[in-house]
């Protein structure tokens, strides 16, 4: 299938930078978890660690914002491309960005249109009528990636909710930025954060595979 440059927009470069940002975020997240573990376990009580955490969080926040912007651009172009391939009944490029910001819908829609992108990018699927992509099996790596994200989000939210509930029963006023008070709940929260790190690890091969498929399907890469 040959697609003209006027319609197809390669995501190869965007994918490259998104992978780099993702790797940096993974490293910073692992570093943060290791430092928190050392502090909580009481093995080290050094103010320098607190400074490292603050700096790490600031850098992580900046990288996170940059990664989010690049990620939204990736989704916009990837969705644009499957339409240029002739795919029909798929999410629009604009909605592939907007859905991420709509509460509740953001728990399902991104998974749905990521599967659409993955299926419609398959170079083995000929989009004659535009809906042949629907017969393509769902991507396993997309399923695992999104399941890990949901487990992490729901897990951290639940842990914080439980901790806030017990603190309220104890008559303690809970602030927005208070840390988990119960050691067991704190350990559980860290476990869910680790799951979120694993989801980022799965994200990298997922977007690289989709990018490679689109290059092949476009006819500009063999």
C-alpha atoms as a PDB file:
ATOM      1  CA  UNK A   1       0.000   0.000   0.000  1.00  0.00           C
ATOM      2  CA  UNK A   2       1.460   3.365  -1.047  1.00  0.00           C
ATOM      3  CA  UNK A   3       0.513   6.506   0.849  1.00  0.00           C
ATOM      4  CA  UNK A   4       1.512   9.988  -0.316  1.00  0.00           C
ATOM      5  CA  UNK A   5       3.607  12.227   1.923  1.00  0.00           C
ATOM      6  CA  UNK A   6       0.789  14.789   1.863  1.00  0.00           C
ATOM      7  CA  UNK A   7      -1.389  12.495   3.983  1.00  0.00           C
ATOM      8  CA  UNK A   8       1.037  10.276   5.892  1.00  0.00           C
ATOM      9  CA  UNK A   9       2.978  11.823   8.778  1.00  0.00           C
ATOM     10  CA  UNK A  10       5.795   9.613  10.050  1.00  0.00           C
ATOM     11  CA  UNK A  11       5.870   9.078  13.820  1.00  0.00           C
ATOM     12  CA  UNK A  12       9.369   7.610  13.737  1.00  0.00           C
ATOM     13  CA  UNK A  13      11.042  10.746  15.117  1.00  0.00           C
ATOM     14  CA  UNK A  14       8.320  11.377  17.704  1.00  0.00           C
ATOM     15  CA  UNK A  15       8.552   7.745  18.815  1.00  0.00           C
ATOM     16  CA  UNK A  16      12.329   8.085  19.248  1.00  0.00           C
ATOM     17  CA  UNK A  17      11.978  11.057  21.605  1.00  0.00           C
ATOM     18  CA  UNK A  18       9.049   9.507  23.455  1.00  0.00           C
ATOM     19  CA  UNK A  19      11.132   6.399  24.122  1.00  0.00           C
ATOM     20  CA  UNK A  20      13.982   8.552  25.469  1.00  0.00           C
ATOM     21  CA  UNK A  21      11.630  10.476  27.764  1.00  0.00           C
ATOM     22  CA  UNK A  22      10.043   7.214  28.936  1.00  0.00           C
ATOM     23  CA  UNK A  23      13.430   5.678  29.770  1.00  0.00           C
ATOM     24  CA  UNK A  24      14.413   8.763  31.782  1.00  0.00           C
ATOM     25  CA  UNK A  25      11.102   8.644  33.666  1.00  0.00           C
ATOM     26  CA  UNK A  26      11.600   4.957  34.442  1.00  0.00           C
ATOM     27  CA  UNK A  27      15.106   5.604  35.802  1.00  0.00           C
ATOM     28  CA  UNK A  28      13.957   8.560  37.921  1.00  0.00           C
ATOM     29  CA  UNK A  29      10.966   6.577  39.235  1.00  0.00           C
ATOM     30  CA  UNK A  30      13.146   3.619  40.219  1.00  0.00           C
ATOM     31  CA  UNK A  31      15.628   5.964  41.911  1.00  0.00           C
ATOM     32  CA  UNK A  32      12.804   7.620  43.844  1.00  0.00           C
ATOM     33  CA  UNK A  33      11.415   4.262  44.990  1.00  0.00           C
ATOM     34  CA  UNK A  34      14.835   3.053  46.108  1.00  0.00           C
ATOM     35  CA  UNK A  35      15.502   6.199  48.128  1.00  0.00           C
ATOM     36  CA  UNK A  36      12.052   6.058  49.726  1.00  0.00           C
ATOM     37  CA  UNK A  37      12.621   2.419  50.632  1.00  0.00           C
ATOM     38  CA  UNK A  38      15.940   3.222  52.307  1.00  0.00           C
ATOM     39  CA  UNK A  39      14.424   6.126  54.258  1.00  0.00           C
ATOM     40  CA  UNK A  40      11.277   4.276  55.336  1.00  0.00           C
ATOM     41  CA  UNK A  41      13.230   1.178  56.369  1.00  0.00           C
ATOM     42  CA  UNK A  42      15.260   3.419  58.671  1.00  0.00           C
ATOM     43  CA  UNK A  43      18.579   2.213  57.312  1.00  0.00           C
ATOM     44  CA  UNK A  44      19.715   5.745  56.491  1.00  0.00           C
ATOM     45  CA  UNK A  45      18.715   9.007  58.110  1.00  0.00           C
ATOM     46  CA  UNK A  46      20.491  11.659  56.067  1.00  0.00           C
ATOM     47  CA  UNK A  47      19.001  15.069  55.125  1.00  0.00           C
ATOM     48  CA  UNK A  48      20.872  14.746  51.811  1.00  0.00           C
ATOM     49  CA  UNK A  49      18.401  12.052  50.779  1.00  0.00           C
ATOM     50  CA  UNK A  50      15.519  14.475  51.231  1.00  0.00           C
ATOM     51  CA  UNK A  51      17.279  16.953  48.946  1.00  0.00           C
ATOM     52  CA  UNK A  52      17.874  14.238  46.357  1.00  0.00           C
ATOM     53  CA  UNK A  53      14.180  13.305  46.429  1.00  0.00           C
ATOM     54  CA  UNK A  54      13.128  16.942  45.948  1.00  0.00           C
ATOM     55  CA  UNK A  55      15.519  17.418  43.008  1.00  0.00           C
ATOM     56  CA  UNK A  56      14.482  14.059  41.558  1.00  0.00           C
ATOM     57  CA  UNK A  57      10.795  14.994  41.802  1.00  0.00           C
ATOM     58  CA  UNK A  58      11.384  18.382  40.135  1.00  0.00           C
ATOM     59  CA  UNK A  59      13.319  16.828  37.255  1.00  0.00           C
ATOM     60  CA  UNK A  60      10.752  14.027  37.027  1.00  0.00           C
ATOM     61  CA  UNK A  61       7.928  16.558  36.892  1.00  0.00           C
ATOM     62  CA  UNK A  62       9.568  18.497  34.060  1.00  0.00           C
ATOM     63  CA  UNK A  63      10.356  15.319  32.108  1.00  0.00           C
ATOM     64  CA  UNK A  64       6.811  14.110  32.748  1.00  0.00           C
ATOM     65  CA  UNK A  65       5.303  17.259  31.224  1.00  0.00           C
ATOM     66  CA  UNK A  66       7.583  17.064  28.195  1.00  0.00           C
ATOM     67  CA  UNK A  67       6.804  13.344  27.776  1.00  0.00           C
ATOM     68  CA  UNK A  68       3.066  14.038  28.020  1.00  0.00           C
ATOM     69  CA  UNK A  69       3.250  16.681  25.279  1.00  0.00           C
ATOM     70  CA  UNK A  70       5.280  14.389  23.018  1.00  0.00           C
ATOM     71  CA  UNK A  71       2.927  11.509  23.828  1.00  0.00           C
ATOM     72  CA  UNK A  72      -0.145  13.501  22.824  1.00  0.00           C
ATOM     73  CA  UNK A  73       1.582  14.490  19.587  1.00  0.00           C
ATOM     74  CA  UNK A  74       2.365  10.809  18.997  1.00  0.00           C
ATOM     75  CA  UNK A  75      -1.280   9.831  19.432  1.00  0.00           C
ATOM     76  CA  UNK A  76      -2.467  12.649  17.191  1.00  0.00           C
ATOM     77  CA  UNK A  77      -0.135  11.635  14.354  1.00  0.00           C
ATOM     78  CA  UNK A  78      -0.648   7.882  14.821  1.00  0.00           C
ATOM     79  CA  UNK A  79      -4.419   8.330  14.597  1.00  0.00           C
ATOM     80  CA  UNK A  80      -4.026  10.667  11.629  1.00  0.00           C
ATOM     81  CA  UNK A  81      -1.969   8.009   9.878  1.00  0.00           C
ATOM     82  CA  UNK A  82      -4.440   5.152  10.217  1.00  0.00           C
ATOM     83  CA  UNK A  83      -7.023   7.458   8.635  1.00  0.00           C
ATOM     84  CA  UNK A  84      -4.612   8.183   5.811  1.00  0.00           C
ATOM     85  CA  UNK A  85      -4.331   4.414   5.357  1.00  0.00           C
ATOM     86  CA  UNK A  86      -8.084   4.358   4.789  1.00  0.00           C
ATOM     87  CA  UNK A  87      -9.280   3.166   8.212  1.00  0.00           C
ATOM     88  CA  UNK A  88     -12.888   4.069   8.995  1.00  0.00           C
ATOM     89  CA  UNK A  89     -14.911   4.125  12.215  1.00  0.00           C
ATOM     90  CA  UNK A  90     -11.850   5.111  14.236  1.00  0.00           C
ATOM     91  CA  UNK A  91     -11.297   7.913  16.738  1.00  0.00           C
ATOM     92  CA  UNK A  92     -10.377  11.289  15.235  1.00  0.00           C
ATOM     93  CA  UNK A  93      -6.856  12.662  15.871  1.00  0.00           C
ATOM     94  CA  UNK A  94      -8.325  15.498  17.939  1.00  0.00           C
ATOM     95  CA  UNK A  95     -10.345  13.150  20.161  1.00  0.00           C
ATOM     96  CA  UNK A  96      -7.297  10.911  20.577  1.00  0.00           C
ATOM     97  CA  UNK A  97      -5.872  13.847  22.517  1.00  0.00           C
ATOM     98  CA  UNK A  98      -9.016  15.122  24.253  1.00  0.00           C
ATOM     99  CA  UNK A  99     -10.125  11.761  25.696  1.00  0.00           C
ATOM    100  CA  UNK A 100      -7.071  11.722  27.978  1.00  0.00           C
ATOM    101  CA  UNK A 101      -8.437  14.741  29.866  1.00  0.00           C
ATOM    102  CA  UNK A 102     -12.066  13.666  30.369  1.00  0.00           C
ATOM    103  CA  UNK A 103     -12.625  12.077  33.822  1.00  0.00           C
ATOM    104  CA  UNK A 104     -13.829   8.461  33.859  1.00  0.00           C
ATOM    105  CA  UNK A 105     -13.681   8.249  30.056  1.00  0.00           C
ATOM    106  CA  UNK A 106      -9.890   8.478  30.348  1.00  0.00           C
ATOM    107  CA  UNK A 107      -9.985   5.084  32.071  1.00  0.00           C
ATOM    108  CA  UNK A 108     -11.217   3.346  28.915  1.00  0.00           C
ATOM    109  CA  UNK A 109     -11.051   5.469  25.760  1.00  0.00           C
ATOM    110  CA  UNK A 110      -7.230   5.647  25.476  1.00  0.00           C
ATOM    111  CA  UNK A 111      -7.106   1.853  25.571  1.00  0.00           C
ATOM    112  CA  UNK A 112      -9.820   1.617  22.927  1.00  0.00           C
ATOM    113  CA  UNK A 113      -8.177   3.932  20.401  1.00  0.00           C
ATOM    114  CA  UNK A 114      -4.713   2.531  21.110  1.00  0.00           C
ATOM    115  CA  UNK A 115      -6.080  -0.846  20.035  1.00  0.00           C
ATOM    116  CA  UNK A 116      -7.565   0.855  16.962  1.00  0.00           C
ATOM    117  CA  UNK A 117      -4.164   2.308  16.075  1.00  0.00           C
ATOM    118  CA  UNK A 118      -2.443  -1.027  16.636  1.00  0.00           C
ATOM    119  CA  UNK A 119      -4.940  -2.976  14.519  1.00  0.00           C
ATOM    120  CA  UNK A 120      -5.213  -0.482  11.653  1.00  0.00           C
ATOM    121  CA  UNK A 121      -1.407  -0.103  11.493  1.00  0.00           C
ATOM    122  CA  UNK A 122      -0.931  -3.787  10.717  1.00  0.00           C
ATOM    123  CA  UNK A 123       0.713  -3.861   7.246  1.00  0.00           C
ATOM    124  CA  UNK A 124      -0.859  -7.260   6.572  1.00  0.00           C
ATOM    125  CA  UNK A 125      -4.372  -5.781   6.767  1.00  0.00           C
ATOM    126  CA  UNK A 126      -5.591  -4.323   3.467  1.00  0.00           C
ATOM    127  CA  UNK A 127      -8.105  -1.546   4.163  1.00  0.00           C
ATOM    128  CA  UNK A 128     -10.301  -1.899   1.094  1.00  0.00           C
ATOM    129  CA  UNK A 129     -13.570  -1.005   2.808  1.00  0.00           C
ATOM    130  CA  UNK A 130     -11.886   0.739   5.712  1.00  0.00           C
ATOM    131  CA  UNK A 131     -13.230  -1.519   8.479  1.00  0.00           C
ATOM    132  CA  UNK A 132     -11.144  -4.660   7.890  1.00  0.00           C
ATOM    133  CA  UNK A 133      -8.992  -3.647  10.861  1.00  0.00           C
ATOM    134  CA  UNK A 134     -11.831  -4.701  13.181  1.00  0.00           C
ATOM    135  CA  UNK A 135     -11.180  -8.363  12.329  1.00  0.00           C
ATOM    136  CA  UNK A 136      -7.570  -8.066  13.448  1.00  0.00           C
ATOM    137  CA  UNK A 137      -6.937  -9.593  16.934  1.00  0.00           C
ATOM    138  CA  UNK A 138      -6.414  -7.136  19.781  1.00  0.00           C
ATOM    139  CA  UNK A 139      -2.813  -6.501  20.748  1.00  0.00           C
ATOM    140  CA  UNK A 140      -1.691  -8.394  23.867  1.00  0.00           C
ATOM    141  CA  UNK A 141       0.952  -5.822  24.768  1.00  0.00           C
ATOM    142  CA  UNK A 142      -1.649  -3.037  24.648  1.00  0.00           C
ATOM    143  CA  UNK A 143      -3.872  -5.080  26.970  1.00  0.00           C
ATOM    144  CA  UNK A 144      -1.057  -5.684  29.468  1.00  0.00           C
ATOM    145  CA  UNK A 145       0.075  -2.050  29.331  1.00  0.00           C
ATOM    146  CA  UNK A 146      -3.385  -0.690  30.046  1.00  0.00           C
ATOM    147  CA  UNK A 147      -4.212  -3.304  32.703  1.00  0.00           C
ATOM    148  CA  UNK A 148      -1.060  -2.325  34.602  1.00  0.00           C
ATOM    149  CA  UNK A 149      -2.014   1.345  34.369  1.00  0.00           C
ATOM    150  CA  UNK A 150      -5.513   0.690  35.734  1.00  0.00           C
ATOM    151  CA  UNK A 151      -4.232  -1.527  38.561  1.00  0.00           C
ATOM    152  CA  UNK A 152      -1.716   1.151  39.525  1.00  0.00           C
ATOM    153  CA  UNK A 153      -4.168   4.076  39.401  1.00  0.00           C
ATOM    154  CA  UNK A 154      -6.998   2.299  41.203  1.00  0.00           C
ATOM    155  CA  UNK A 155      -4.583   0.764  43.704  1.00  0.00           C
ATOM    156  CA  UNK A 156      -2.923   4.044  44.721  1.00  0.00           C
ATOM    157  CA  UNK A 157      -6.311   5.794  44.906  1.00  0.00           C
ATOM    158  CA  UNK A 158      -7.761   3.022  47.096  1.00  0.00           C
ATOM    159  CA  UNK A 159      -4.766   2.969  49.444  1.00  0.00           C
ATOM    160  CA  UNK A 160      -4.950   6.742  49.956  1.00  0.00           C
ATOM    161  CA  UNK A 161      -8.719   6.540  50.477  1.00  0.00           C
ATOM    162  CA  UNK A 162      -8.361   3.845  53.139  1.00  0.00           C
ATOM    163  CA  UNK A 163      -5.593   5.751  54.910  1.00  0.00           C
ATOM    164  CA  UNK A 164      -7.625   8.973  54.888  1.00  0.00           C
ATOM    165  CA  UNK A 165     -10.641   7.095  56.264  1.00  0.00           C
ATOM    166  CA  UNK A 166      -8.737   5.676  59.246  1.00  0.00           C
ATOM    167  CA  UNK A 167      -7.048   9.009  59.940  1.00  0.00           C
ATOM    168  CA  UNK A 168     -10.452  10.693  59.949  1.00  0.00           C
ATOM    169  CA  UNK A 169     -11.767   8.088  62.409  1.00  0.00           C
ATOM    170  CA  UNK A 170      -8.786   8.872  64.616  1.00  0.00           C
ATOM    171  CA  UNK A 171      -9.692  12.560  64.558  1.00  0.00           C
ATOM    172  CA  UNK A 172      -6.662  13.555  62.522  1.00  0.00           C
ATOM    173  CA  UNK A 173      -7.204  16.211  59.873  1.00  0.00           C
ATOM    174  CA  UNK A 174      -5.989  14.975  56.508  1.00  0.00           C
ATOM    175  CA  UNK A 175      -4.167  17.334  54.147  1.00  0.00           C
ATOM    176  CA  UNK A 176      -3.935  16.991  50.389  1.00  0.00           C
ATOM    177  CA  UNK A 177      -0.220  16.216  50.458  1.00  0.00           C
ATOM    178  CA  UNK A 178       0.000  14.098  53.612  1.00  0.00           C
ATOM    179  CA  UNK A 179       1.990  10.904  53.235  1.00  0.00           C
ATOM    180  CA  UNK A 180       0.539   7.478  53.996  1.00  0.00           C
ATOM    181  CA  UNK A 181       0.699   7.046  57.771  1.00  0.00           C
ATOM    182  CA  UNK A 182       0.346   3.269  58.053  1.00  0.00           C
ATOM    183  CA  UNK A 183       3.575   1.365  57.187  1.00  0.00           C
ATOM    184  CA  UNK A 184       1.650  -1.530  55.622  1.00  0.00           C
ATOM    185  CA  UNK A 185      -0.397   0.816  53.448  1.00  0.00           C
ATOM    186  CA  UNK A 186       2.751   2.702  52.506  1.00  0.00           C
ATOM    187  CA  UNK A 187       4.334  -0.571  51.393  1.00  0.00           C
ATOM    188  CA  UNK A 188       1.215  -1.363  49.368  1.00  0.00           C
ATOM    189  CA  UNK A 189       1.282   2.093  47.780  1.00  0.00           C
ATOM    190  CA  UNK A 190       4.916   1.565  46.761  1.00  0.00           C
ATOM    191  CA  UNK A 191       3.942  -1.771  45.200  1.00  0.00           C
ATOM    192  CA  UNK A 192       1.353  -0.019  43.027  1.00  0.00           C
ATOM    193  CA  UNK A 193       3.918   2.608  42.021  1.00  0.00           C
ATOM    194  CA  UNK A 194       6.234  -0.198  40.938  1.00  0.00           C
ATOM    195  CA  UNK A 195       3.395  -1.563  38.800  1.00  0.00           C
ATOM    196  CA  UNK A 196       3.123   1.863  37.137  1.00  0.00           C
ATOM    197  CA  UNK A 197       6.858   1.691  36.354  1.00  0.00           C
ATOM    198  CA  UNK A 198       6.346  -1.721  34.759  1.00  0.00           C
ATOM    199  CA  UNK A 199       3.540  -0.252  32.645  1.00  0.00           C
ATOM    200  CA  UNK A 200       6.003   2.343  31.307  1.00  0.00           C
ATOM    201  CA  UNK A 201       8.393  -0.469  30.412  1.00  0.00           C
ATOM    202  CA  UNK A 202       5.651  -2.142  28.337  1.00  0.00           C
ATOM    203  CA  UNK A 203       4.771   1.215  26.754  1.00  0.00           C
ATOM    204  CA  UNK A 204       8.144   1.457  25.001  1.00  0.00           C
ATOM    205  CA  UNK A 205       7.982  -1.706  22.824  1.00  0.00           C
ATOM    206  CA  UNK A 206       4.298  -0.985  22.178  1.00  0.00           C
ATOM    207  CA  UNK A 207       4.862   2.399  20.530  1.00  0.00           C
ATOM    208  CA  UNK A 208       8.000   1.182  18.738  1.00  0.00           C
ATOM    209  CA  UNK A 209       6.053  -1.688  17.200  1.00  0.00           C
ATOM    210  CA  UNK A 210       3.219   0.586  16.067  1.00  0.00           C
ATOM    211  CA  UNK A 211       5.698   3.094  14.621  1.00  0.00           C
ATOM    212  CA  UNK A 212       7.521   0.349  12.710  1.00  0.00           C
ATOM    213  CA  UNK A 213       4.243  -1.045  11.371  1.00  0.00           C
ATOM    214  CA  UNK A 214       3.119   2.368  10.144  1.00  0.00           C
ATOM    215  CA  UNK A 215       6.417   2.940   8.355  1.00  0.00           C
ATOM    216  CA  UNK A 216       6.046  -0.383   6.552  1.00  0.00           C
ATOM    217  CA  UNK A 217       2.365   0.134   5.811  1.00  0.00           C
ATOM    218  CA  UNK A 218       3.017   3.605   4.418  1.00  0.00           C
ATOM    219  CA  UNK A 219       5.333   2.176   1.767  1.00  0.00           C
ATOM    220  CA  UNK A 220       8.235   4.391   2.837  1.00  0.00           C
ATOM    221  CA  UNK A 221      10.043   1.675   4.766  1.00  0.00           C
ATOM    222  CA  UNK A 222      10.789  -1.890   3.817  1.00  0.00           C
END
